[in-house]
Amino acid sequence: MSMKSRAGGEIAGKIMTPRKWTLFLCLGSFFAGMFFTNRIWTEPERLNLETGDCNMKHKVGSRKASETQTLDNEISILEMKLAAAKAEHQSLSNDTPSGNSKRKYFMVIGINTAFSSRKRRDSVRETWMPKGEKRKKLEKEKGIVIRFVIGHSSTTGGILDKAIEAEEMAHGDFLRLEHVEGYMELSAKTKAYFTTAIELWDAEFYVKVDDDVHVNLATLGMALAAHRTKPRVYIGCMKSGPVIARKGVRYHEPEYWKFGEVGNKYFRHATGQLYAISKDLASYISINQHVLHKYANEDVSLGSWFIGIDVEHVDDRRLCCGTPPDCEWKAQLGNICAASFDWKCSGICKSVERIAEVHKRCGEDENALWSASF
């Protein structure tokens, strides 16, 4: 081979090698550019989508929270309207759950009692509370309903409940509540009583009395009748006792701090031995029973439920006379008492033994009830 040919081949080989590398470099640059371009366009899109998605979730969450709050408010309003409608329906119903014809009554008297108070109940039946057919006649002719009020024991169907059921079979004068009995549950029992009573009987007045208090029914009826034109009336012996802050003492108020400085007194309220409220107030308790606050003492609780609404408080001292000689000399002067008890005992002291004597010396004429016109 000539020198010229060899030299040309060498030159050609040197030229071909760079061309191959150039091709590879071009292809590599092209794919690198494509990859980089995709990254530039994909990342912002993804970021935008994620940002938009977060904003959308925030907006949806806010909207759902707002809708939930609105729904809760609407449900609360509907519950209130439903309770009011239920009370109205019960008032207009032709039949009660017990099967008795629904009618207008003058007053319903609930005698607060306990499982251990059988002897007290018997002493009341033997004195101021009519029994059997006379009690039924009282309902029919005078529109006065009287029932012993009691709930259930903590052991449903236990011996205590069975004893009350047997007593009910014998006398038929109980109002059983959906309530578990207990001394610290008297405020809850009071709410349950008014709620249940207004569902069963459409009356002008609803009365609560303890089972160790003596009552003259005709005098009580006349005292209430004087206020029958008032829509929201709260009748009793009004008082304003001290708020007891000290633990372990009777009538201790755990929430004493709500009433101001230690040593302050309660707002004015009716003493718990006997009080009466009009139908509108009983309806108010029934409708709002789930939001009415309960204090340690049930008479304080009742008084607190009427603060802030338009209620007339009537202080009638005939509803809290003392036992003889107090109620006796008042009767001799023509001022017969509607209710008598001993303040120091919050009822008649040893009522089982003494209520008969109180009835004999302070009781109204036996014909007064049947001749009274309410």
Protein backbone atom coordinates (compact mmCIF):
# COMPACT_ATOMS: atom_id res chain seq x y z
CA MET A 1 0.00 0.00 0.00
CA SER A 2 1.23 3.40 -0.91
CA MET A 3 1.97 5.97 1.64
CA LYS A 4 -0.85 8.10 0.33
CA SER A 5 -3.53 5.42 0.79
CA ARG A 6 -2.39 4.63 4.31
CA ALA A 7 -2.44 8.23 5.24
CA GLY A 8 -5.96 8.69 3.86
CA GLY A 9 -7.30 5.71 5.82
CA GLU A 10 -5.88 7.06 9.01
CA ILE A 11 -7.48 10.42 8.35
CA ALA A 12 -10.87 8.76 7.59
CA GLY A 13 -10.71 6.70 10.83
CA LYS A 14 -10.01 9.79 12.84
CA ILE A 15 -13.00 11.58 11.22
CA MET A 16 -15.51 8.67 11.83
CA THR A 17 -14.77 8.35 15.51
CA PRO A 18 -15.80 11.92 16.48
CA ARG A 19 -18.97 11.61 14.39
CA LYS A 20 -20.14 8.59 16.43
CA TRP A 21 -19.53 10.41 19.70
CA THR A 22 -21.31 13.43 18.36
CA LEU A 23 -24.37 11.33 17.57
CA PHE A 24 -24.36 9.82 21.05
CA LEU A 25 -23.98 13.23 22.62
CA CYS A 26 -26.88 14.62 20.58
CA LEU A 27 -29.16 11.76 21.51
CA GLY A 28 -28.16 12.08 25.18
CA SER A 29 -28.81 15.82 25.15
CA PHE A 30 -32.21 15.26 23.54
CA PHE A 31 -33.38 12.75 26.16
CA ALA A 32 -31.94 14.86 28.99
CA GLY A 33 -33.86 17.85 27.67
CA MET A 34 -37.07 15.84 27.46
CA PHE A 35 -36.65 14.60 31.02
CA PHE A 36 -35.89 18.06 32.36
CA THR A 37 -38.83 19.58 30.51
CA ASN A 38 -41.22 16.96 31.92
CA ARG A 39 -39.98 17.62 35.43
CA ILE A 40 -40.51 21.36 35.04
CA TRP A 41 -44.10 20.95 33.86
CA THR A 42 -45.06 17.99 36.06
CA GLU A 43 -43.88 19.34 39.43
CA PRO A 44 -45.80 22.64 39.31
CA GLU A 45 -48.91 20.82 38.16
CA ARG A 46 -48.63 18.38 41.01
CA LEU A 47 -47.94 21.16 43.47
CA ASN A 48 -50.87 23.14 42.16
CA LEU A 49 -53.13 20.13 42.37
CA GLU A 50 -52.00 19.36 45.93
CA THR A 51 -52.47 22.99 46.99
CA GLY A 52 -55.85 23.10 45.36
CA ASP A 53 -56.79 19.83 46.98
CA CYS A 54 -55.85 21.18 50.44
CA ASN A 55 -57.81 24.34 49.84
CA MET A 56 -60.75 22.28 48.64
CA LYS A 57 -60.55 20.02 51.71
CA HIS A 58 -60.41 23.06 53.99
CA LYS A 59 -63.42 24.61 52.30
CA VAL A 60 -65.36 21.34 52.41
CA GLY A 61 -64.42 20.84 56.08
CA SER A 62 -65.51 24.36 56.98
CA ARG A 63 -68.75 23.92 55.10
CA LYS A 64 -69.44 20.59 56.82
CA ALA A 65 -68.74 22.11 60.27
CA SER A 66 -71.09 24.99 59.51
CA GLU A 67 -73.76 22.62 58.24
CA THR A 68 -73.35 20.40 61.33
CA GLN A 69 -73.75 23.40 63.66
CA THR A 70 -76.82 24.55 61.78
CA LEU A 71 -78.26 21.04 61.92
CA ASP A 72 -77.63 20.82 65.68
CA ASN A 73 -79.42 24.12 66.20
CA GLU A 74 -82.35 22.99 64.10
CA ILE A 75 -82.54 19.70 66.03
CA SER A 76 -82.57 21.58 69.36
CA ILE A 77 -85.38 23.81 68.15
CA LEU A 78 -87.33 20.82 66.86
CA GLU A 79 -86.86 18.99 70.17
CA MET A 80 -88.29 21.99 72.04
CA LYS A 81 -91.22 22.19 69.63
CA LEU A 82 -91.78 18.44 69.90
CA ALA A 83 -91.85 18.59 73.70
CA ALA A 84 -94.33 21.47 73.58
CA ALA A 85 -96.46 19.64 71.02
CA LYS A 86 -96.38 16.49 73.14
CA ALA A 87 -97.59 18.38 76.20
CA GLU A 88 -100.33 19.99 74.15
CA HIS A 89 -101.33 16.66 72.65
CA GLN A 90 -101.52 15.05 76.07
CA SER A 91 -103.66 17.94 77.23
CA LEU A 92 -106.10 17.45 74.36
CA SER A 93 -106.03 13.66 74.37
CA ASN A 94 -109.24 11.82 75.14
CA ASP A 95 -107.56 8.99 77.06
CA THR A 96 -104.76 8.79 79.59
CA PRO A 97 -102.20 5.94 79.61
CA SER A 98 -104.11 4.41 82.51
CA GLY A 99 -107.27 4.24 80.44
CA ASN A 100 -109.19 6.86 82.42
CA SER A 101 -111.12 9.52 80.51
CA LYS A 102 -109.10 12.69 80.09
CA ARG A 103 -110.80 15.65 81.70
CA LYS A 104 -110.05 18.95 83.33
CA TYR A 105 -109.00 18.77 86.98
CA PHE A 106 -108.67 21.45 89.59
CA MET A 107 -105.49 20.28 91.29
CA VAL A 108 -103.15 17.30 91.43
CA ILE A 109 -101.54 16.67 94.82
CA GLY A 110 -98.39 14.56 94.83
CA ILE A 111 -97.39 13.31 98.27
CA ASN A 112 -93.63 12.77 98.25
CA THR A 113 -92.83 9.48 99.97
CA ALA A 114 -90.09 6.88 100.33
CA PHE A 115 -89.84 3.09 100.48
CA SER A 116 -89.37 3.20 104.26
CA SER A 117 -92.44 5.38 104.86
CA ARG A 118 -95.26 2.82 104.85
CA LYS A 119 -96.45 3.89 108.33
CA ARG A 120 -96.45 7.54 107.32
CA ARG A 121 -98.59 6.74 104.30
CA ASP A 122 -101.06 4.80 106.42
CA SER A 123 -101.28 7.69 108.90
CA VAL A 124 -102.08 10.09 106.03
CA ARG A 125 -104.75 7.71 104.71
CA GLU A 126 -106.32 7.61 108.16
CA THR A 127 -106.45 11.41 108.53
CA TRP A 128 -106.65 13.99 105.74
CA MET A 129 -106.49 11.88 102.57
CA PRO A 130 -109.75 10.21 101.45
CA LYS A 131 -109.48 6.49 100.73
CA GLY A 132 -110.99 4.11 98.23
CA GLU A 133 -114.32 5.23 96.79
CA LYS A 134 -114.15 8.60 98.56
CA ARG A 135 -110.88 9.35 96.80
CA LYS A 136 -112.44 8.44 93.45
CA LYS A 137 -115.45 10.59 94.28
CA LEU A 138 -113.11 13.46 95.10
CA GLU A 139 -111.57 13.19 91.63
CA LYS A 140 -114.92 12.99 89.89
CA GLU A 141 -116.85 15.65 91.81
CA LYS A 142 -114.15 18.10 92.87
CA GLY A 143 -111.40 17.51 90.32
CA ILE A 144 -108.83 16.81 93.03
CA VAL A 145 -106.33 14.03 92.37
CA ILE A 146 -104.16 12.75 95.23
CA ARG A 147 -101.31 10.25 94.80
CA PHE A 148 -98.29 9.10 96.76
CA VAL A 149 -95.29 9.79 94.53
CA ILE A 150 -92.40 7.35 94.38
CA GLY A 151 -89.88 6.07 91.86
CA HIS A 152 -88.04 2.76 91.75
CA SER A 153 -85.22 1.20 93.72
CA SER A 154 -81.72 0.86 92.30
CA THR A 155 -82.41 -2.87 91.99
CA THR A 156 -85.29 -3.05 89.53
CA GLY A 157 -87.94 -5.52 90.59
CA GLY A 158 -86.38 -5.98 94.02
CA ILE A 159 -88.11 -6.42 97.34
CA LEU A 160 -88.70 -2.67 97.79
CA ASP A 161 -90.46 -2.34 94.45
CA LYS A 162 -92.55 -5.43 95.10
CA ALA A 163 -93.67 -4.02 98.45
CA ILE A 164 -94.90 -0.84 96.73
CA GLU A 165 -96.63 -2.89 94.06
CA ALA A 166 -98.47 -4.87 96.74
CA GLU A 167 -99.48 -1.64 98.49
CA GLU A 168 -100.68 -0.22 95.18
CA MET A 169 -102.85 -3.32 94.64
CA ALA A 170 -104.45 -2.70 98.02
CA HIS A 171 -105.00 1.07 97.75
CA GLY A 172 -104.50 2.19 94.14
CA ASP A 173 -103.13 5.57 95.25
CA PHE A 174 -99.57 5.67 93.85
CA LEU A 175 -97.93 7.60 91.05
CA ARG A 176 -94.81 5.69 90.00
CA LEU A 177 -92.03 7.68 88.38
CA GLU A 178 -89.23 6.73 86.02
CA HIS A 179 -86.78 7.73 88.71
CA VAL A 180 -84.33 5.98 91.03
CA GLU A 181 -85.05 6.89 94.63
CA GLY A 182 -82.35 8.52 96.78
CA TYR A 183 -82.10 11.39 99.25
CA MET A 184 -79.67 13.29 97.04
CA GLU A 185 -81.98 12.86 94.05
CA LEU A 186 -84.96 14.87 95.33
CA SER A 187 -84.47 17.65 92.77
CA ALA A 188 -84.56 15.10 89.95
CA LYS A 189 -87.63 13.51 91.53
CA THR A 190 -89.39 16.88 91.62
CA LYS A 191 -88.79 17.35 87.90
CA ALA A 192 -90.01 13.82 87.19
CA TYR A 193 -93.15 14.39 89.28
CA PHE A 194 -94.30 17.54 87.50
CA THR A 195 -93.40 16.11 84.09
CA THR A 196 -95.35 12.91 84.72
CA ALA A 197 -98.30 14.58 86.43
CA ILE A 198 -98.96 17.03 83.62
CA GLU A 199 -98.86 14.19 81.09
CA LEU A 200 -101.50 12.24 83.00
CA TRP A 201 -103.80 14.96 84.30
CA ASP A 202 -104.74 18.31 82.80
CA ALA A 203 -105.09 20.41 85.95
CA GLU A 204 -105.06 24.06 86.91
CA PHE A 205 -102.59 23.50 89.75
CA TYR A 206 -99.97 20.92 90.67
CA VAL A 207 -99.08 20.56 94.35
CA LYS A 208 -96.19 18.82 96.05
CA VAL A 209 -96.42 17.94 99.77
CA ASP A 210 -94.34 15.76 102.08
CA ASP A 211 -95.84 12.68 103.73
CA ASP A 212 -95.29 14.06 107.25
CA VAL A 213 -97.38 17.22 106.75
CA HIS A 214 -101.05 17.69 107.69
CA VAL A 215 -103.25 19.19 104.97
CA ASN A 216 -106.76 20.64 105.02
CA LEU A 217 -107.90 20.03 101.44
CA ALA A 218 -110.81 22.50 101.31
CA THR A 219 -108.68 25.33 102.72
CA LEU A 220 -105.84 24.50 100.32
CA GLY A 221 -108.29 24.44 97.42
CA MET A 222 -109.71 27.86 98.30
CA ALA A 223 -106.20 29.29 98.70
CA LEU A 224 -105.28 28.15 95.18
CA ALA A 225 -108.60 29.10 93.59
CA ALA A 226 -107.93 32.74 94.45
CA HIS A 227 -105.08 32.68 91.90
CA ARG A 228 -106.63 30.62 89.12
CA THR A 229 -106.73 33.53 86.65
CA LYS A 230 -102.96 33.98 86.85
CA PRO A 231 -101.08 32.06 84.15
CA ARG A 232 -97.74 31.62 85.94
CA VAL A 233 -98.09 31.53 89.69
CA TYR A 234 -95.85 29.94 92.33
CA ILE A 235 -97.55 29.56 95.72
CA GLY A 236 -96.03 28.63 99.04
CA CYS A 237 -94.36 29.94 102.18
CA MET A 238 -91.54 32.00 100.72
CA LYS A 239 -88.21 32.04 102.53
CA SER A 240 -84.57 32.93 101.97
CA GLY A 241 -82.43 30.73 104.15
CA PRO A 242 -78.63 30.70 104.47
CA VAL A 243 -76.48 28.91 101.90
CA ILE A 244 -74.64 26.20 103.86
CA ALA A 245 -71.04 25.95 102.67
CA ARG A 246 -69.74 23.64 105.41
CA LYS A 247 -69.48 19.98 104.43
CA GLY A 248 -71.14 17.32 106.55
CA VAL A 249 -73.86 19.69 107.74
CA ARG A 250 -77.53 19.17 106.90
CA TYR A 251 -78.64 21.06 103.77
CA HIS A 252 -75.03 21.51 102.66
CA GLU A 253 -74.86 23.21 99.27
CA PRO A 254 -71.83 22.01 97.23
CA GLU A 255 -72.36 24.88 94.80
CA TYR A 256 -72.41 27.54 97.53
CA TRP A 257 -69.89 29.64 95.58
CA LYS A 258 -72.57 30.44 92.99
CA PHE A 259 -74.45 32.48 95.56
CA GLY A 260 -71.66 34.94 96.28
CA GLU A 261 -69.63 35.26 99.45
CA VAL A 262 -69.78 32.69 102.23
CA GLY A 263 -72.67 33.56 104.55
CA ASN A 264 -74.99 34.76 101.80
CA LYS A 265 -78.62 33.70 101.54
CA TYR A 266 -80.57 31.98 98.80
CA PHE A 267 -82.95 33.82 96.52
CA ARG A 268 -86.59 33.80 97.65
CA HIS A 269 -88.26 30.40 97.16
CA ALA A 270 -91.09 28.32 98.64
CA THR A 271 -90.30 26.00 101.51
CA GLY A 272 -90.29 22.36 100.46
CA GLN A 273 -92.96 20.96 102.81
CA LEU A 274 -95.78 22.14 100.52
CA TYR A 275 -95.97 24.34 97.43
CA ALA A 276 -98.12 24.68 94.34
CA ILE A 277 -97.52 25.84 90.78
CA SER A 278 -99.91 26.64 87.95
CA LYS A 279 -100.25 24.57 84.79
CA ASP A 280 -98.02 26.82 82.67
CA LEU A 281 -95.14 26.42 85.11
CA ALA A 282 -95.57 22.65 85.22
CA SER A 283 -95.49 22.68 81.40
CA TYR A 284 -92.35 24.80 81.51
CA ILE A 285 -90.63 22.22 83.73
CA SER A 286 -91.78 19.36 81.51
CA ILE A 287 -90.53 20.99 78.30
CA ASN A 288 -87.19 22.13 79.75
CA GLN A 289 -86.52 19.28 82.18
CA HIS A 290 -83.23 18.26 80.52
CA VAL A 291 -81.61 21.68 80.92
CA LEU A 292 -82.93 22.72 84.34
CA HIS A 293 -80.11 22.71 86.88
CA LYS A 294 -80.43 20.69 90.07
CA TYR A 295 -79.10 22.06 93.37
CA ALA A 296 -78.65 19.95 96.48
CA ASN A 297 -82.00 21.06 97.97
CA GLU A 298 -85.11 20.47 95.88
CA ASP A 299 -86.99 23.55 97.07
CA VAL A 300 -84.01 25.69 96.04
CA SER A 301 -83.90 23.93 92.68
CA LEU A 302 -87.58 24.65 92.03
CA GLY A 303 -87.13 28.31 92.93
CA SER A 304 -84.11 28.62 90.64
CA TRP A 305 -86.08 27.29 87.66
CA PHE A 306 -88.42 30.27 87.85
CA ILE A 307 -85.75 32.96 88.03
CA GLY A 308 -85.54 34.84 84.77
CA ILE A 309 -89.09 34.12 83.65
CA ASP A 310 -92.25 36.07 84.39
CA VAL A 311 -93.60 34.31 87.50
CA GLU A 312 -95.69 35.68 90.35
CA HIS A 313 -94.49 34.51 93.76
CA VAL A 314 -97.32 34.22 96.30
CA ASP A 315 -96.35 34.03 99.97
CA ASP A 316 -99.29 32.38 101.75
CA ARG A 317 -98.59 31.67 105.41
CA ARG A 318 -101.63 29.40 105.68
CA LEU A 319 -99.44 26.81 103.96
CA CYS A 320 -96.92 26.61 106.80
CA CYS A 321 -98.68 26.77 110.16
CA GLY A 322 -97.18 25.11 113.19
CA THR A 323 -98.72 22.14 114.94
CA PRO A 324 -100.94 22.70 118.02
CA PRO A 325 -101.31 25.08 119.67
CA ASP A 326 -100.47 27.28 116.64
CA CYS A 327 -102.89 25.81 114.09
CA GLU A 328 -105.48 25.18 116.80
CA TRP A 329 -105.89 28.76 118.00
CA LYS A 330 -105.84 30.01 114.42
CA ALA A 331 -108.72 27.64 113.62
CA GLN A 332 -110.62 28.91 116.64
CA LEU A 333 -110.25 32.43 115.25
CA GLY A 334 -111.59 31.31 111.90
CA ASN A 335 -108.21 31.28 110.17
CA ILE A 336 -107.99 27.60 109.32
CA CYS A 337 -104.57 26.46 108.15
CA ALA A 338 -104.05 24.73 104.82
CA ALA A 339 -100.98 22.87 106.05
CA SER A 340 -99.32 22.28 109.43
CA PHE A 341 -95.90 20.94 110.43
CA ASP A 342 -93.00 21.59 112.81
CA TRP A 343 -90.19 23.72 111.42
CA LYS A 344 -87.59 22.06 113.63
CA CYS A 345 -88.39 18.66 112.08
CA SER A 346 -89.19 19.91 108.55
CA GLY A 347 -92.47 18.08 109.03
CA ILE A 348 -94.61 16.92 111.94
CA CYS A 349 -92.22 15.57 114.54
CA LYS A 350 -92.99 11.86 115.02
CA SER A 351 -95.78 12.25 112.47
CA VAL A 352 -96.93 8.63 112.61
CA GLU A 353 -97.85 9.05 116.28
CA ARG A 354 -98.92 12.72 116.21
CA ILE A 355 -100.70 13.42 112.90
CA ALA A 356 -104.01 12.06 114.19
CA GLU A 357 -103.91 14.53 117.08
CA VAL A 358 -103.05 17.39 114.71
CA HIS A 359 -105.96 16.36 112.49
CA LYS A 360 -108.35 16.28 115.44
CA ARG A 361 -107.35 19.68 116.81
CA CYS A 362 -106.59 21.56 113.58
CA GLY A 363 -108.57 19.74 110.92
CA GLU A 364 -111.38 21.50 109.08
CA ASP A 365 -114.99 20.34 109.30
CA GLU A 366 -115.41 16.97 107.60
CA ASN A 367 -118.10 18.40 105.32
CA ALA A 368 -116.00 21.41 104.30
CA LEU A 369 -114.39 19.59 101.39
CA TRP A 370 -117.61 18.25 99.91
CA SER A 371 -119.45 21.53 100.24
CA ALA A 372 -116.61 23.66 98.89
CA SER A 373 -116.87 25.18 95.43
CA PHE A 374 -113.56 25.79 93.68
